Amino acid sequence: MTTYAVIMAGGSGTRFWPLSRRMRPKQFLAIGTDKSLMQETVERLTPLVPMKNIRIVAGRHHVEPIMAHLPELSHDALLVEPCARN
């Protein structure tokens, strides 16, 4: 059996205001360390799930920041939402 991890990384940056904004929601913030919350989440997952089996769901406008924060992530691992659905 193959195990996958799915990280829900949509988000509009409204719940952690004023630190987060639409173009920089909390998953891209470094809180307490020098790594973003998304980077820390992936680090916690990789002992359990290989990087090739991690998928990230996010909005279109977050594709570039995600790839900048996780350069080792394959573009195929990024599932882009056509529109926000909560």
Protein backbone atom coordinates (compact mmCIF):
# COMPACT_ATOMS: atom_id res chain seq x y z
CA MET A 1 0.00 0.00 0.00
CA THR A 2 1.29 3.46 -0.92
CA THR A 3 0.75 6.29 1.55
CA TYR A 4 0.29 9.90 0.47
CA ALA A 5 0.13 13.07 2.52
CA VAL A 6 -2.03 15.98 1.40
CA ILE A 7 -1.33 19.46 2.72
CA MET A 8 -4.22 21.87 2.39
CA ALA A 9 -2.46 25.17 1.73
CA GLY A 10 -5.21 27.36 0.35
CA GLY A 11 -6.02 30.29 2.48
CA SER A 12 -6.72 33.92 2.01
CA GLY A 13 -4.48 35.36 4.71
CA THR A 14 -7.29 36.80 6.82
CA ARG A 15 -7.10 34.78 10.03
CA PHE A 16 -3.59 35.73 11.07
CA TRP A 17 -3.82 39.40 10.22
CA PRO A 18 -1.82 41.64 10.39
CA LEU A 19 1.10 39.26 9.75
CA SER A 20 -0.63 37.42 6.93
CA ARG A 21 -2.17 38.89 3.82
CA ARG A 22 -3.78 37.53 0.66
CA MET A 23 -0.43 37.11 -1.10
CA ARG A 24 1.36 35.93 2.06
CA PRO A 25 -0.96 33.75 4.14
CA LYS A 26 0.21 32.06 7.31
CA GLN A 27 1.60 28.95 5.59
CA PHE A 28 4.40 31.17 4.22
CA LEU A 29 5.21 32.80 7.54
CA ALA A 30 8.17 31.78 9.70
CA ILE A 31 6.88 31.74 13.26
CA GLY A 32 9.43 30.96 15.94
CA THR A 33 11.99 29.56 13.48
CA ASP A 34 13.63 30.59 10.21
CA LYS A 35 11.43 28.18 8.20
CA SER A 36 7.89 28.76 6.99
CA LEU A 37 5.02 26.77 8.47
CA MET A 38 4.76 24.93 5.14
CA GLN A 39 8.46 23.97 5.21
CA GLU A 40 8.14 22.74 8.78
CA THR A 41 5.06 20.70 7.91
CA VAL A 42 6.88 18.98 5.05
CA GLU A 43 9.86 18.30 7.33
CA ARG A 44 7.57 16.64 9.87
CA LEU A 45 5.99 14.50 7.14
CA THR A 46 9.09 13.25 5.33
CA PRO A 47 10.06 10.68 7.99
CA LEU A 48 6.60 9.14 7.43
CA VAL A 49 5.95 9.75 3.74
CA PRO A 50 8.52 10.14 0.96
CA MET A 51 8.67 13.59 -0.64
CA LYS A 52 7.43 12.13 -3.93
CA ASN A 53 4.17 11.17 -2.16
CA ILE A 54 3.41 14.59 -0.70
CA ARG A 55 0.72 16.63 -2.44
CA ILE A 56 -0.13 20.25 -1.77
CA VAL A 57 -3.51 21.78 -2.58
CA ALA A 58 -3.47 25.55 -3.07
CA GLY A 59 -4.83 28.43 -5.07
CA ARG A 60 -3.36 29.66 -8.35
CA HIS A 61 -1.77 32.74 -6.81
CA HIS A 62 0.22 30.60 -4.35
CA VAL A 63 2.01 28.39 -6.89
CA GLU A 64 5.16 30.53 -7.14
CA PRO A 65 5.57 31.06 -3.36
CA ILE A 66 5.09 27.33 -2.74
CA MET A 67 7.75 26.41 -5.28
CA ALA A 68 10.08 29.02 -3.75
CA HIS A 69 9.55 27.59 -0.24
CA LEU A 70 9.74 23.97 -1.42
CA PRO A 71 12.10 23.80 -4.43
CA GLU A 72 12.35 20.01 -4.08
CA LEU A 73 8.58 19.66 -4.70
CA SER A 74 7.62 18.35 -8.11
CA HIS A 75 5.21 20.55 -10.08
CA ASP A 76 3.02 17.44 -10.45
CA ALA A 77 2.65 17.33 -6.65
CA LEU A 78 0.91 20.70 -6.63
CA LEU A 79 -2.86 20.50 -7.02
CA VAL A 80 -4.16 23.92 -7.99
CA GLU A 81 -7.73 24.82 -7.03
CA PRO A 82 -9.65 26.57 -9.82
CA CYS A 83 -11.44 28.68 -7.20
CA ALA A 84 -11.83 28.85 -3.43
CA ARG A 85 -14.52 26.58 -1.96
CA ASN A 86 -13.75 26.70 1.80
